[in-house]
Amino acid sequence: MLQIRCPYCGVRDESEFSYRGDATVTRPTSDDADAFVDYVYNRRNPRGWHTEWWQHSAGCRQWLKVTRHTVTHEISAVESVP
């Protein structure tokens, strides 16, 4: 099972967290409809290190930015989000 170190609660099982998405995408600043469709629907499926949003939904409810290897599930960094 994946273990995530919450900066507030310590090491917890993955079952306490909810995956909330890719933390590397940015919302387009223009009103271009094609750019917005790409932002909403077209996501990468990276192999290797990837930064993701997770929420400690069954704990302190804080949002975290987690850097995780998508093949090995090793976690290299967990940051609290102010």
C-alpha atoms as a PDB file:
ATOM      1  CA  MET A   1       0.000   0.000   0.000  1.00  0.00           C
ATOM      2  CA  LEU A   2       1.136   3.525  -0.777  1.00  0.00           C
ATOM      3  CA  GLN A   3       2.178   5.551   2.275  1.00  0.00           C
ATOM      4  CA  ILE A   4       2.018   9.360   2.187  1.00  0.00           C
ATOM      5  CA  ARG A   5       3.701  11.552   4.799  1.00  0.00           C
ATOM      6  CA  CYS A   6       1.224  14.294   5.675  1.00  0.00           C
ATOM      7  CA  PRO A   7       3.106  17.359   7.007  1.00  0.00           C
ATOM      8  CA  TYR A   8       0.414  17.729   9.684  1.00  0.00           C
ATOM      9  CA  CYS A   9      -0.488  14.113  10.627  1.00  0.00           C
ATOM     10  CA  GLY A  10       2.616  12.070   9.791  1.00  0.00           C
ATOM     11  CA  VAL A  11       2.770   8.909   7.672  1.00  0.00           C
ATOM     12  CA  ARG A  12      -0.665   7.648   6.651  1.00  0.00           C
ATOM     13  CA  ASP A  13      -2.067   5.001   4.294  1.00  0.00           C
ATOM     14  CA  GLU A  14      -3.217   5.975   0.819  1.00  0.00           C
ATOM     15  CA  SER A  15      -6.792   5.052   1.795  1.00  0.00           C
ATOM     16  CA  GLU A  16      -6.973   8.274   3.863  1.00  0.00           C
ATOM     17  CA  PHE A  17      -6.183  10.421   0.810  1.00  0.00           C
ATOM     18  CA  SER A  18      -8.031  11.372  -2.364  1.00  0.00           C
ATOM     19  CA  TYR A  19      -6.188  11.931  -5.630  1.00  0.00           C
ATOM     20  CA  ARG A  20      -7.235  15.333  -6.973  1.00  0.00           C
ATOM     21  CA  GLY A  21      -5.346  15.627 -10.247  1.00  0.00           C
ATOM     22  CA  ASP A  22      -2.288  16.749 -12.135  1.00  0.00           C
ATOM     23  CA  ALA A  23      -0.500  19.638 -10.409  1.00  0.00           C
ATOM     24  CA  THR A  24       1.460  20.626 -13.514  1.00  0.00           C
ATOM     25  CA  VAL A  25      -1.371  21.914 -15.723  1.00  0.00           C
ATOM     26  CA  THR A  26      -2.219  25.607 -15.850  1.00  0.00           C
ATOM     27  CA  ARG A  27      -5.514  27.128 -16.893  1.00  0.00           C
ATOM     28  CA  PRO A  28      -5.271  29.007 -20.212  1.00  0.00           C
ATOM     29  CA  THR A  29      -5.352  32.789 -19.905  1.00  0.00           C
ATOM     30  CA  SER A  30      -6.954  33.401 -23.297  1.00  0.00           C
ATOM     31  CA  ASP A  31     -10.581  32.915 -24.318  1.00  0.00           C
ATOM     32  CA  ASP A  32      -9.533  30.401 -26.980  1.00  0.00           C
ATOM     33  CA  ALA A  33     -12.045  27.529 -26.881  1.00  0.00           C
ATOM     34  CA  ASP A  34      -9.567  24.987 -28.278  1.00  0.00           C
ATOM     35  CA  ALA A  35      -7.035  25.814 -25.558  1.00  0.00           C
ATOM     36  CA  PHE A  36      -9.710  25.390 -22.895  1.00  0.00           C
ATOM     37  CA  VAL A  37     -10.819  22.024 -24.327  1.00  0.00           C
ATOM     38  CA  ASP A  38      -7.173  20.876 -24.242  1.00  0.00           C
ATOM     39  CA  TYR A  39      -6.898  22.068 -20.631  1.00  0.00           C
ATOM     40  CA  VAL A  40     -10.015  20.166 -19.524  1.00  0.00           C
ATOM     41  CA  TYR A  41      -9.836  16.947 -21.547  1.00  0.00           C
ATOM     42  CA  ASN A  42      -6.338  16.308 -22.909  1.00  0.00           C
ATOM     43  CA  ARG A  43      -3.998  15.167 -20.156  1.00  0.00           C
ATOM     44  CA  ARG A  44      -0.620  13.517 -20.302  1.00  0.00           C
ATOM     45  CA  ASN A  45      -0.106  10.026 -18.926  1.00  0.00           C
ATOM     46  CA  PRO A  46       3.482  10.450 -17.726  1.00  0.00           C
ATOM     47  CA  ARG A  47       5.881   7.646 -16.978  1.00  0.00           C
ATOM     48  CA  GLY A  48       8.321   8.609 -14.252  1.00  0.00           C
ATOM     49  CA  TRP A  49       8.267  11.465 -11.743  1.00  0.00           C
ATOM     50  CA  HIS A  50       5.059  13.463 -11.686  1.00  0.00           C
ATOM     51  CA  THR A  51       3.622  16.171  -9.423  1.00  0.00           C
ATOM     52  CA  GLU A  52       0.036  15.617  -8.277  1.00  0.00           C
ATOM     53  CA  TRP A  53      -2.606  17.147  -6.027  1.00  0.00           C
ATOM     54  CA  TRP A  54      -3.782  14.949  -3.142  1.00  0.00           C
ATOM     55  CA  GLN A  55      -6.161  15.790  -0.297  1.00  0.00           C
ATOM     56  CA  HIS A  56      -5.993  14.192   3.146  1.00  0.00           C
ATOM     57  CA  SER A  57      -9.749  13.656   2.995  1.00  0.00           C
ATOM     58  CA  ALA A  58     -10.005  11.215   5.925  1.00  0.00           C
ATOM     59  CA  GLY A  59      -7.646  13.197   8.126  1.00  0.00           C
ATOM     60  CA  CYS A  60      -6.807  16.875   8.438  1.00  0.00           C
ATOM     61  CA  ARG A  61      -8.458  17.704   5.043  1.00  0.00           C
ATOM     62  CA  GLN A  62      -5.362  19.600   3.874  1.00  0.00           C
ATOM     63  CA  TRP A  63      -4.355  19.755   0.204  1.00  0.00           C
ATOM     64  CA  LEU A  64      -0.874  18.440  -0.602  1.00  0.00           C
ATOM     65  CA  LYS A  65       1.402  18.626  -3.617  1.00  0.00           C
ATOM     66  CA  VAL A  66       2.986  15.171  -3.965  1.00  0.00           C
ATOM     67  CA  THR A  67       5.835  14.206  -6.301  1.00  0.00           C
ATOM     68  CA  ARG A  68       5.377  10.511  -7.080  1.00  0.00           C
ATOM     69  CA  HIS A  69       6.993   8.062  -9.504  1.00  0.00           C
ATOM     70  CA  THR A  70       4.128   6.694 -11.608  1.00  0.00           C
ATOM     71  CA  VAL A  71       5.772   3.286 -12.132  1.00  0.00           C
ATOM     72  CA  THR A  72       7.262   2.490  -8.710  1.00  0.00           C
ATOM     73  CA  HIS A  73       4.905   4.732  -6.647  1.00  0.00           C
ATOM     74  CA  GLU A  74       7.925   6.035  -4.728  1.00  0.00           C
ATOM     75  CA  ILE A  75       7.251   9.473  -3.239  1.00  0.00           C
ATOM     76  CA  SER A  76      10.128  11.953  -3.307  1.00  0.00           C
ATOM     77  CA  ALA A  77       8.415  15.062  -1.926  1.00  0.00           C
ATOM     78  CA  VAL A  78       5.251  16.165  -0.148  1.00  0.00           C
ATOM     79  CA  GLU A  79       4.512  19.876   0.204  1.00  0.00           C
ATOM     80  CA  SER A  80       1.728  21.569   2.115  1.00  0.00           C
ATOM     81  CA  VAL A  81      -0.347  24.024   0.122  1.00  0.00           C
ATOM     82  CA  PRO A  82      -0.898  27.368   1.865  1.00  0.00           C
END
